[in-house]
Protein backbone atom coordinates (compact mmCIF):
# COMPACT_ATOMS: atom_id res chain seq x y z
CA MET A 1 -62.18 1.77 235.89
CA PRO A 2 -65.63 0.20 235.45
CA ARG A 3 -67.50 1.45 232.39
CA ARG A 4 -70.55 2.76 234.21
CA LEU A 5 -71.76 6.00 235.73
CA LEU A 6 -69.55 7.58 238.32
CA PRO A 7 -70.73 7.21 241.93
CA LEU A 8 -73.86 9.25 242.51
CA ALA A 9 -74.84 11.28 245.55
CA ALA A 10 -77.26 9.54 247.91
CA LEU A 11 -80.80 10.86 247.79
CA VAL A 12 -81.95 11.68 251.28
CA VAL A 13 -84.20 14.75 251.40
CA VAL A 14 -86.36 15.93 248.52
CA VAL A 15 -86.63 19.71 248.22
CA SER A 16 -88.42 21.44 245.35
CA LEU A 17 -86.33 23.29 242.80
CA GLY A 18 -87.69 25.56 240.10
CA ALA A 19 -86.90 24.65 236.54
CA GLY A 20 -85.14 27.95 235.94
CA CYS A 21 -85.69 31.68 235.97
CA ALA A 22 -85.26 33.81 232.88
CA GLU A 23 -83.43 36.56 234.76
CA ASP A 24 -80.90 34.17 236.32
CA VAL A 25 -77.81 34.60 234.15
CA ALA A 26 -75.18 33.06 236.46
CA PRO A 27 -74.00 29.60 235.39
CA ALA A 28 -75.17 26.51 237.26
CA ALA A 29 -71.54 25.60 237.92
CA ARG A 30 -68.01 26.57 237.02
CA ALA A 31 -64.78 24.63 237.39
CA GLY A 32 -61.85 26.92 236.75
CA ASP A 33 -61.91 28.81 233.46
CA ALA A 34 -62.54 25.84 231.20
CA VAL A 35 -65.71 24.18 232.53
CA VAL A 36 -68.88 26.26 232.60
CA ILE A 37 -72.29 24.59 232.87
CA SER A 38 -75.24 26.84 232.09
CA ASN A 39 -78.63 26.62 233.76
CA ASP A 40 -80.25 25.83 230.41
CA ASP A 41 -77.81 22.99 229.75
CA LEU A 42 -78.35 21.59 233.25
CA MET A 43 -82.15 21.66 232.90
CA ALA A 44 -81.91 20.07 229.43
CA GLU A 45 -79.78 17.27 230.85
CA ALA A 46 -82.16 16.76 233.78
CA LYS A 47 -85.00 16.43 231.28
CA GLU A 48 -83.04 13.74 229.44
CA TRP A 49 -82.54 11.76 232.66
CA VAL A 50 -86.25 12.00 233.50
CA ALA A 51 -87.09 10.56 230.07
CA SER A 52 -85.40 7.27 231.02
CA PRO A 53 -87.08 5.54 233.97
CA LYS A 54 -84.66 2.65 233.50
CA LEU A 55 -81.63 4.95 233.87
CA LEU A 56 -83.11 6.47 237.02
CA GLU A 57 -83.81 3.01 238.41
CA GLN A 58 -80.27 1.80 237.69
CA VAL A 59 -78.59 4.73 239.45
CA GLY A 60 -80.96 4.65 242.42
CA ILE A 61 -82.98 7.80 241.81
CA THR A 62 -86.50 7.36 243.15
CA THR A 63 -87.81 10.94 242.96
CA THR A 64 -87.28 13.59 240.31
CA ALA A 65 -90.30 15.86 240.72
CA GLY A 66 -90.21 18.90 242.96
CA ALA A 67 -93.09 20.28 244.96
CA GLY A 68 -94.11 22.84 242.34
CA PRO A 69 -95.33 22.30 238.78
CA GLY A 70 -92.45 21.94 236.35
CA SER A 71 -89.85 21.68 239.10
CA TYR A 72 -87.30 19.01 239.91
CA ALA A 73 -86.27 17.63 243.29
CA SER A 74 -83.00 19.29 244.19
CA PRO A 75 -81.24 16.05 245.23
CA PHE A 76 -81.95 14.76 241.73
CA VAL A 77 -80.61 17.93 240.11
CA GLY A 78 -77.57 17.65 242.40
CA VAL A 79 -76.87 14.16 241.04
CA VAL A 80 -77.17 15.36 237.43
CA LEU A 81 -74.94 18.37 238.10
CA THR A 82 -72.37 16.30 240.02
CA ASN A 83 -72.04 13.88 237.12
CA ARG A 84 -71.85 16.68 234.55
CA ILE A 85 -69.06 18.41 236.51
CA ARG A 86 -67.16 15.14 236.83
CA PHE A 87 -67.65 14.25 233.18
CA ASP A 88 -66.51 17.70 232.06
CA LEU A 89 -63.42 17.59 234.29
CA ASN A 90 -62.52 14.26 232.68
CA ARG A 91 -63.16 15.75 229.23
CA GLU A 92 -60.73 18.59 229.98
CA GLN A 93 -58.11 16.11 231.18
CA PHE A 94 -58.77 13.92 228.14
CA ASP A 95 -58.01 16.89 225.89
CA ALA A 96 -54.98 17.92 227.97
CA LEU A 97 -53.53 14.43 227.59
CA GLY A 98 -54.07 14.55 223.83
CA LEU A 99 -56.23 11.42 223.84
CA THR A 100 -58.68 10.38 221.12
CA LEU A 101 -61.61 7.99 221.09
CA THR A 102 -61.73 5.20 218.54
CA ASP A 103 -64.82 3.46 217.23
CA ASP A 104 -63.79 0.47 219.34
CA ASP A 105 -63.62 2.64 222.46
CA LEU A 106 -67.15 3.89 221.84
CA ALA A 107 -68.48 0.42 221.07
CA THR A 108 -66.94 -0.94 224.27
CA SER A 109 -68.37 1.94 226.29
CA ARG A 110 -71.82 1.48 224.75
CA ALA A 111 -71.79 -2.28 225.39
CA GLY A 112 -70.61 -1.85 228.98
CA LEU A 113 -72.87 1.01 230.01
CA PHE A 114 -74.46 -1.41 232.50
CA PRO A 115 -73.45 -5.00 233.28
CA ASP A 116 -76.70 -6.35 231.80
CA PRO A 117 -76.83 -5.66 228.04
CA SER A 118 -80.64 -5.76 228.07
CA ILE A 119 -80.71 -2.89 230.59
CA THR A 120 -78.26 -0.90 228.48
CA GLU A 121 -80.50 -1.43 225.46
CA VAL A 122 -83.59 -0.16 227.28
CA VAL A 123 -81.76 2.88 228.70
CA LEU A 124 -80.45 3.88 225.28
CA GLU A 125 -83.88 3.38 223.70
CA GLN A 126 -85.43 5.72 226.28
CA LEU A 127 -82.83 8.46 225.81
CA THR A 128 -82.67 10.67 222.74
CA PRO A 129 -79.98 9.40 220.34
CA ALA A 130 -77.92 12.58 220.85
CA PHE A 131 -77.91 12.26 224.65
CA GLY A 132 -77.31 8.52 224.51
CA ASP A 133 -74.26 9.15 222.33
CA ARG A 134 -73.10 11.89 224.71
CA LEU A 135 -73.37 9.57 227.70
CA VAL A 136 -71.44 6.84 225.90
CA GLU A 137 -68.72 9.34 224.92
CA ASP A 138 -68.55 10.79 228.45
CA LEU A 139 -68.01 7.34 229.94
CA ALA A 140 -65.52 6.37 227.23
CA ARG A 141 -63.45 9.48 228.04
CA VAL A 142 -63.48 8.64 231.75
CA THR A 143 -62.20 5.17 230.94
CA ALA A 144 -59.55 6.52 228.55
CA VAL A 145 -58.26 9.06 231.08
CA SER A 146 -58.25 6.46 233.84
CA GLU A 147 -56.33 3.98 231.73
CA ALA A 148 -53.87 6.60 230.46
CA MET A 149 -53.10 7.90 233.95
CA GLY A 150 -53.05 4.53 235.69
CA ASP A 151 -52.38 4.82 239.41
CA GLY A 152 -52.23 8.61 239.11
CA TYR A 153 -55.87 8.90 238.12
CA GLU A 154 -57.35 8.81 241.61
CA VAL A 155 -54.89 11.43 242.87
CA TRP A 156 -55.66 13.70 239.90
CA PHE A 157 -59.40 13.24 240.24
CA ALA A 158 -59.37 13.95 243.98
CA SER A 159 -57.38 17.12 243.32
CA ALA A 160 -59.61 18.20 240.42
CA THR A 161 -62.78 17.85 242.49
CA SER A 162 -61.41 19.40 245.68
CA SER A 163 -60.76 22.96 244.52
CA GLY A 164 -61.82 25.60 242.04
CA ILE A 165 -65.42 24.41 241.66
CA GLU A 166 -68.29 26.82 242.22
CA VAL A 167 -71.96 25.86 242.20
CA SER A 168 -74.85 28.32 242.00
CA SER A 169 -76.50 28.59 245.41
CA ARG A 170 -79.87 27.78 243.82
CA TYR A 171 -78.56 24.23 243.29
CA GLY A 172 -76.68 23.94 246.58
CA SER A 173 -72.94 23.94 247.19
CA TRP A 174 -69.90 21.90 246.25
CA ASP A 175 -68.62 19.47 248.89
CA ARG A 176 -64.89 19.38 248.17
CA GLN A 177 -64.31 16.29 250.29
CA ALA A 178 -67.07 14.25 248.64
CA GLY A 179 -66.55 15.81 245.20
CA ALA A 180 -70.29 16.27 244.84
CA VAL A 181 -73.09 18.82 244.90
CA VAL A 182 -74.85 19.14 248.24
CA PRO A 183 -78.46 20.29 247.66
CA PRO A 184 -79.64 23.47 249.36
CA ALA A 185 -81.02 23.03 252.85
CA GLY A 186 -84.40 24.40 251.83
CA PRO A 187 -86.46 27.13 253.44
CA ARG A 188 -86.00 27.62 257.14
CA PRO A 189 -89.06 27.52 259.41
CA ALA A 190 -90.45 30.85 260.57
CA PRO A 191 -88.95 31.92 263.92
CA ALA A 192 -91.07 31.51 267.02
CA PRO A 193 -92.63 34.77 268.27
CA ASP A 194 -90.25 34.99 271.23
CA GLN A 195 -87.27 34.81 268.82
CA LEU A 196 -88.33 37.85 266.83
CA VAL A 197 -86.34 41.05 267.28
CA GLY A 198 -88.12 43.29 269.78
CA ALA A 199 -90.39 40.53 271.04
């Protein structure tokens, strides 16, 4: 499996998304009992992505800002959440298979983050060291699981992403067939006067 980010959702419509509400205690996403992604963690990861224009450029994200101050475009958040769900599913499988990462695995993952080493260098310089290391480790685990499972990886991954995943409605819904977050449709237009009850 190539040592680069997993396929990302296409960005089509930009809809504003608030950066979080204090009273919202439901997780951003849950995959079974093992994978729980909090709203705070999702927003922190989105902030990391925004800090690297080169990363955004390389994965085809052209818009991150939502319509309101301090908000993100929901297609962008959907991409971040999709990748986090996929990475965490691979992490769970990595642990289930009893795999470990060596220094060589991490070095290979870091070197192959993108095909052009100069792009990789810029991306990692723009990210915080902690998030850069996390991204390298995430991708190294994907590679390790893929190599360990061989031909069975695609079947496992399709199964893992097709059931048991719940996404908070504020971020959209989970498309089981695509294995990705589908952003919310956005506010509906007000009904025409003749469509109102009693009109």
